[in-house]
Amino acid sequence: AASSSAVGINQSGQVAGNSGNHAFVYSNGIMTDLGFVTGSSSTVATGLNNKGQVVGYYGVSNQPYFALGFLWNNGAISDVFNSQTILSGRTYAAAFEPQAINDQGQVAANILTGGNGPCCFTTSVLWENAGAPLISIGGTNNAVPAPLAVNNHPQVVYLNCPYSCGGGIWSPNGVINLPVNPNFGGPVGYSINGNGQVAGQAWFGSLASGQLHAFVWTNGTLSDLGTLGGATSTARAINNPGQIVGDSDVSTGSARHAFVFSGGQMLDLNSRLFNASGWELLSAVGINDFGQIAGIGSYLGQPQHAILLTPITEPAIYPSH
């Protein structure tokens, strides 16, 4: 059976994700295939905004380590970034990969460079429109592309690793460096909300007893969110009210479980399901301001599927007279 995964959710409850070599958007009960850019046979969605626009990257035939960016808008997919032009002139340029888009259409993206193999250096940039120059955000010498998120201000949360890794928040007003654990290095931010709060994963504790946990950063303070009883956890998204979702090891079993952190408490989403026997929720990757959650789950041990969770509103009960 085919599998699928979600990458994010917007305020309208639309979910973007991937299935096989296809990207999709799910809206009002219908999953729409985003199609392919001319000359390509694979697309990977990475983010969407509140206008329903989806960004990601697509593969180029016969070039396994080469990828270019796409925007899906109003039913049409295209490379509005002119990715080939962005990469031209760069030594060993291998990919232009958009990672997130805000409601103004500003896109946080990675430019990957390498040889004839997996990329070895990433430059993070902000793309504003086809006529504007790229804004450099930061860079990493890791083989894995840096995660990026962008809000409407715009503020971009990114990973900067020219010498020692550390997360940061870029804005037109300057850069804020997230606090670094001297024993292990800096945190990795995966999401930023409209209030500038960042959620992600960081090391807490001493060199002898360090723990890799989900965190939230608020106005200079990095807070450990804990786990669901296991060793590690990761926060993957935060909404404007400050609710956080992600995944965590649990005390029993090998599979990680999806969580929501709200009101100072981390809750296993599997314990909050209604009428969903057989499902195991493995990760939550997005939450909107209405509490709808996009994630990944498995039904009766089958291949994982993208999921959409919607809060149940109980009817009000009024006393009789």
Protein backbone atom coordinates (compact mmCIF):
# COMPACT_ATOMS: atom_id res chain seq x y z
CA ALA A 1 0.00 0.00 0.00
CA ALA A 2 1.15 3.53 -0.77
CA SER A 3 2.29 5.81 2.03
CA SER A 4 1.96 9.56 2.48
CA SER A 5 3.20 12.24 4.83
CA ALA A 6 2.14 15.76 5.78
CA VAL A 7 4.48 18.75 5.93
CA GLY A 8 2.20 21.51 7.22
CA ILE A 9 -1.26 23.00 7.72
CA ASN A 10 -2.66 26.50 7.25
CA GLN A 11 -5.41 28.45 9.00
CA SER A 12 -8.04 27.10 6.57
CA GLY A 13 -7.19 23.51 7.46
CA GLN A 14 -5.47 22.81 4.13
CA VAL A 15 -2.66 20.26 4.45
CA ALA A 16 0.36 19.96 2.17
CA GLY A 17 2.34 16.76 1.91
CA ASN A 18 3.87 14.05 -0.23
CA SER A 19 3.00 10.58 -1.45
CA GLY A 20 5.52 8.63 -3.49
CA ASN A 21 7.08 11.05 -5.97
CA HIS A 22 4.01 13.31 -5.91
CA ALA A 23 3.29 16.41 -3.82
CA PHE A 24 -0.30 17.11 -2.78
CA VAL A 25 -2.57 19.56 -1.03
CA TYR A 26 -5.58 18.27 0.92
CA SER A 27 -8.55 20.62 1.15
CA ASN A 28 -12.18 20.04 2.11
CA GLY A 29 -11.82 16.27 1.92
CA ILE A 30 -10.10 16.23 -1.48
CA MET A 31 -6.42 15.38 -2.09
CA THR A 32 -5.09 17.22 -5.15
CA ASP A 33 -1.94 16.11 -6.95
CA LEU A 34 0.20 19.20 -7.61
CA GLY A 35 1.54 17.67 -10.82
CA PHE A 36 5.00 18.12 -12.30
CA VAL A 37 7.05 20.96 -13.70
CA THR A 38 7.83 20.37 -17.37
CA GLY A 39 10.78 17.98 -17.69
CA SER A 40 10.38 16.54 -14.22
CA SER A 41 8.82 13.37 -12.83
CA SER A 42 9.02 14.07 -9.09
CA THR A 43 7.96 16.85 -6.72
CA VAL A 44 8.49 17.31 -2.97
CA ALA A 45 6.30 19.77 -1.05
CA THR A 46 7.95 21.50 1.90
CA GLY A 47 5.50 24.20 3.02
CA LEU A 48 2.31 26.18 2.43
CA ASN A 49 0.85 29.53 3.44
CA ASN A 50 -2.61 30.80 4.34
CA LYS A 51 -3.38 31.57 0.69
CA GLY A 52 -3.03 27.89 -0.16
CA GLN A 53 0.23 28.41 -2.07
CA VAL A 54 2.63 25.47 -1.80
CA VAL A 55 6.41 25.49 -2.25
CA GLY A 56 8.90 22.69 -2.65
CA TYR A 57 11.40 21.32 -5.10
CA TYR A 58 11.40 18.99 -8.08
CA GLY A 59 13.87 16.50 -9.47
CA VAL A 60 15.60 16.87 -12.81
CA SER A 61 15.73 13.80 -15.04
CA ASN A 62 19.07 11.94 -15.12
CA GLN A 63 20.54 14.23 -12.43
CA PRO A 64 19.91 12.50 -9.09
CA TYR A 65 21.62 15.17 -6.96
CA PHE A 66 20.06 18.14 -8.71
CA ALA A 67 16.81 19.86 -7.67
CA LEU A 68 15.00 23.09 -8.51
CA GLY A 69 12.27 25.04 -6.75
CA PHE A 70 8.56 25.23 -7.51
CA LEU A 71 5.52 27.22 -6.46
CA TRP A 72 1.99 25.80 -6.78
CA ASN A 73 -0.60 28.56 -7.00
CA ASN A 74 -4.26 28.42 -8.03
CA GLY A 75 -3.91 24.98 -9.56
CA ALA A 76 -0.73 25.65 -11.54
CA ILE A 77 2.83 24.53 -10.74
CA SER A 78 5.88 26.36 -12.08
CA ASP A 79 9.44 27.40 -11.28
CA VAL A 80 8.72 31.08 -10.59
CA PHE A 81 12.15 31.35 -8.94
CA ASN A 82 14.11 30.79 -12.16
CA SER A 83 16.14 28.28 -10.18
CA GLN A 84 18.60 27.60 -12.97
CA THR A 85 19.50 31.30 -13.06
CA ILE A 86 19.95 31.36 -9.27
CA LEU A 87 22.35 28.41 -9.46
CA SER A 88 24.28 29.61 -12.50
CA GLY A 89 27.75 30.88 -11.68
CA ARG A 90 27.90 29.07 -8.33
CA THR A 91 30.65 26.48 -7.98
CA TYR A 92 29.26 22.94 -7.96
CA ALA A 93 25.71 24.23 -7.51
CA ALA A 94 23.39 21.29 -6.97
CA ALA A 95 19.99 22.49 -5.79
CA PHE A 96 17.69 25.40 -4.99
CA GLU A 97 15.20 24.07 -2.44
CA PRO A 98 12.42 26.29 -1.04
CA GLN A 99 11.51 25.25 2.51
CA ALA A 100 8.78 27.68 3.66
CA ILE A 101 6.52 30.46 2.36
CA ASN A 102 4.72 33.25 4.23
CA ASP A 103 1.51 35.05 3.33
CA GLN A 104 3.40 37.78 1.43
CA GLY A 105 4.87 35.12 -0.84
CA GLN A 106 8.37 35.50 0.64
CA VAL A 107 10.17 32.16 0.50
CA ALA A 108 12.95 30.81 2.73
CA ALA A 109 15.14 28.47 0.69
CA ASN A 110 18.40 26.55 0.72
CA ILE A 111 21.03 26.65 -2.00
CA LEU A 112 23.03 23.43 -1.90
CA THR A 113 26.48 23.06 -3.40
CA GLY A 114 28.56 19.93 -3.85
CA GLY A 115 30.21 17.79 -6.45
CA ASN A 116 28.72 14.79 -8.19
CA GLY A 117 27.25 13.53 -4.95
CA PRO A 118 25.33 14.62 -1.86
CA CYS A 119 25.75 18.30 -1.12
CA CYS A 120 28.29 19.47 1.38
CA PHE A 121 27.43 23.14 1.94
CA THR A 122 24.12 24.95 2.34
CA THR A 123 23.42 28.66 2.01
CA SER A 124 20.06 29.79 3.39
CA VAL A 125 18.37 32.70 1.60
CA LEU A 126 15.14 34.68 1.52
CA TRP A 127 13.51 35.05 -1.91
CA GLU A 128 11.09 37.99 -2.13
CA ASN A 129 10.08 38.18 -5.78
CA ALA A 130 11.46 37.52 -9.24
CA GLY A 131 12.90 41.01 -9.56
CA ALA A 132 14.56 41.31 -6.17
CA PRO A 133 18.04 40.05 -5.20
CA LEU A 134 18.27 37.10 -2.84
CA ILE A 135 18.90 37.97 0.81
CA SER A 136 21.57 35.80 2.44
CA ILE A 137 20.48 34.40 5.83
CA GLY A 138 23.23 32.00 6.91
CA GLY A 139 25.09 28.85 6.01
CA THR A 140 25.99 25.37 7.19
CA ASN A 141 28.72 22.93 6.22
CA ASN A 142 26.51 19.99 7.13
CA ALA A 143 25.54 17.45 4.51
CA VAL A 144 21.90 17.80 5.64
CA PRO A 145 20.11 20.97 4.44
CA ALA A 146 19.28 23.45 7.16
CA PRO A 147 15.64 23.53 8.30
CA LEU A 148 13.95 26.85 7.68
CA ALA A 149 10.74 28.57 8.73
CA VAL A 150 9.45 32.08 8.02
CA ASN A 151 6.66 34.22 9.45
CA ASN A 152 4.98 37.32 8.03
CA HIS A 153 7.27 39.96 9.57
CA PRO A 154 9.46 38.39 8.04
CA GLN A 155 11.54 36.53 10.60
CA VAL A 156 13.43 33.44 9.45
CA VAL A 157 14.59 30.74 11.85
CA TYR A 158 17.65 29.00 10.46
CA LEU A 159 20.73 26.92 11.29
CA ASN A 160 24.15 28.55 11.00
CA CYS A 161 27.17 26.21 11.09
CA PRO A 162 30.28 27.70 9.55
CA TYR A 163 32.31 26.68 12.61
CA SER A 164 30.04 25.46 15.43
CA CYS A 165 26.34 24.91 14.90
CA GLY A 166 23.77 27.24 16.40
CA GLY A 167 20.24 28.29 15.58
CA GLY A 168 19.31 31.86 14.87
CA ILE A 169 16.44 34.18 13.98
CA TRP A 170 17.07 36.52 11.06
CA SER A 171 15.01 39.62 10.39
CA PRO A 172 15.61 42.87 8.47
CA ASN A 173 16.52 44.40 11.85
CA GLY A 174 19.33 41.93 12.56
CA VAL A 175 20.03 38.46 13.91
CA ILE A 176 19.17 36.89 17.27
CA ASN A 177 21.28 33.86 18.16
CA LEU A 178 19.47 31.15 20.10
CA PRO A 179 21.28 30.13 23.32
CA VAL A 180 23.99 27.50 22.89
CA ASN A 181 24.60 24.61 25.28
CA PRO A 182 28.40 24.78 25.75
CA ASN A 183 28.62 20.98 25.99
CA PHE A 184 26.78 20.14 22.79
CA GLY A 185 26.13 23.19 20.60
CA GLY A 186 23.11 25.18 19.60
CA PRO A 187 19.44 24.32 19.18
CA VAL A 188 17.72 23.60 15.87
CA GLY A 189 14.53 25.58 15.24
CA TYR A 190 11.83 24.06 13.04
CA SER A 191 9.02 26.59 13.37
CA ILE A 192 8.41 30.26 14.21
CA ASN A 193 5.02 31.82 14.92
CA GLY A 194 3.77 35.35 14.38
CA ASN A 195 4.93 36.39 17.85
CA GLY A 196 8.52 35.32 17.18
CA GLN A 197 8.37 32.20 19.37
CA VAL A 198 10.54 29.36 18.05
CA ALA A 199 10.01 25.62 18.53
CA GLY A 200 12.51 22.88 17.78
CA GLN A 201 15.03 20.53 19.38
CA ALA A 202 17.95 21.30 21.70
CA TRP A 203 20.40 19.72 24.10
CA PHE A 204 19.73 20.23 27.80
CA GLY A 205 21.90 19.20 30.74
CA SER A 206 25.55 18.45 31.36
CA LEU A 207 28.06 16.61 29.19
CA ALA A 208 27.56 13.47 31.27
CA SER A 209 23.75 13.52 31.21
CA GLY A 210 22.73 15.53 28.17
CA GLN A 211 19.19 15.13 26.85
CA LEU A 212 17.93 16.01 23.37
CA HIS A 213 14.47 17.48 23.96
CA ALA A 214 11.81 19.61 22.33
CA PHE A 215 12.07 23.29 23.21
CA VAL A 216 10.26 26.59 22.91
CA TRP A 217 12.13 29.90 22.83
CA THR A 218 10.23 32.97 24.01
CA ASN A 219 11.75 36.43 24.40
CA GLY A 220 15.23 35.14 25.15
CA THR A 221 14.29 32.14 27.29
CA LEU A 222 14.80 28.56 26.04
CA SER A 223 12.45 26.13 27.81
CA ASP A 224 12.70 22.33 27.94
CA LEU A 225 9.34 20.75 27.05
CA GLY A 226 10.32 17.26 28.28
CA THR A 227 9.23 13.98 26.69
CA LEU A 228 6.42 11.43 26.77
CA GLY A 229 8.53 9.24 29.05
CA GLY A 230 11.26 8.31 26.58
CA ALA A 231 14.73 9.71 25.92
CA THR A 232 14.22 12.30 23.19
CA SER A 233 11.58 14.59 21.72
CA THR A 234 11.29 17.12 18.88
CA ALA A 235 8.96 20.12 18.52
CA ARG A 236 8.01 20.61 14.89
CA ALA A 237 5.45 23.43 14.84
CA ILE A 238 4.03 26.23 16.98
CA ASN A 239 0.85 28.24 16.36
CA ASN A 240 0.18 31.86 17.32
CA PRO A 241 -1.48 31.00 20.68
CA GLY A 242 1.72 29.10 21.55
CA GLN A 243 0.49 25.51 21.26
CA ILE A 244 3.28 23.20 20.11
CA VAL A 245 3.23 19.84 18.33
CA GLY A 246 5.89 17.28 17.52
CA ASP A 247 6.93 13.75 18.38
CA SER A 248 8.61 11.99 21.28
CA ASP A 249 10.02 8.68 22.37
CA VAL A 250 7.71 6.91 24.80
CA SER A 251 8.53 4.77 27.81
CA THR A 252 7.43 1.55 26.09
CA GLY A 253 7.59 0.46 22.47
CA SER A 254 9.91 1.52 19.65
CA ALA A 255 7.65 3.94 17.74
CA ARG A 256 7.64 7.63 18.56
CA HIS A 257 4.28 9.22 19.37
CA ALA A 258 2.81 12.54 18.30
CA PHE A 259 2.32 15.11 21.03
CA VAL A 260 0.70 18.46 21.67
CA PHE A 261 2.14 20.77 24.31
CA SER A 262 -0.44 23.15 25.74
CA GLY A 263 -1.01 24.74 29.12
CA GLY A 264 2.43 23.67 30.33
CA GLN A 265 1.77 19.97 29.68
CA MET A 266 2.93 17.54 26.97
CA LEU A 267 0.09 15.22 25.95
CA ASP A 268 0.26 12.07 23.83
CA LEU A 269 -2.19 12.69 20.99
CA ASN A 270 -2.95 8.97 20.90
CA SER A 271 -4.66 9.40 24.26
CA ARG A 272 -6.91 12.12 22.85
CA LEU A 273 -8.34 10.28 19.85
CA PHE A 274 -12.08 9.76 19.58
CA ASN A 275 -13.55 6.84 17.62
CA ALA A 276 -10.22 6.03 15.94
CA SER A 277 -9.44 2.48 17.04
CA GLY A 278 -6.43 0.97 15.25
CA TRP A 279 -4.63 4.25 14.61
CA GLU A 280 -1.20 5.10 16.03
CA LEU A 281 -0.16 8.74 15.68
CA LEU A 282 3.59 8.89 15.07
CA SER A 283 4.33 12.58 14.54
CA ALA A 284 2.57 15.95 14.42
CA VAL A 285 4.11 18.45 11.99
CA GLY A 286 1.72 21.41 11.98
CA ILE A 287 -0.95 23.11 14.08
CA ASN A 288 -3.13 26.08 13.14
CA ASP A 289 -4.70 28.64 15.45
CA PHE A 290 -7.94 26.63 15.60
CA GLY A 291 -6.12 23.61 17.01
CA GLN A 292 -6.28 21.51 13.83
CA ILE A 293 -3.19 19.31 13.57
CA ALA A 294 -1.45 17.79 10.55
CA GLY A 295 0.71 14.77 11.12
CA ILE A 296 1.66 11.22 10.28
CA GLY A 297 0.03 8.05 11.54
CA SER A 298 -0.29 4.34 10.92
CA TYR A 299 -3.47 2.26 10.85
CA LEU A 300 -3.13 -1.33 12.11
CA GLY A 301 0.60 -1.30 11.38
CA GLN A 302 0.17 -0.43 7.70
CA PRO A 303 2.40 2.10 5.86
CA GLN A 304 2.18 5.58 7.32
CA HIS A 305 -0.38 8.10 6.08
CA ALA A 306 -0.77 11.84 6.34
CA ILE A 307 -3.46 12.69 8.89
CA LEU A 308 -5.62 15.67 9.82
CA LEU A 309 -6.90 15.99 13.39
CA THR A 310 -9.74 18.38 14.20
CA PRO A 311 -10.72 19.25 17.79
CA ILE A 312 -14.15 18.12 18.93
CA THR A 313 -16.26 20.94 20.33
CA GLU A 314 -18.65 19.65 22.94
CA PRO A 315 -22.13 21.23 22.93
CA ALA A 316 -22.92 23.59 25.76
CA ILE A 317 -25.15 22.19 28.50
CA TYR A 318 -27.48 24.67 30.14
CA PRO A 319 -29.19 24.01 33.49
CA SER A 320 -32.94 23.53 33.32
CA HIS A 321 -35.25 25.92 35.15
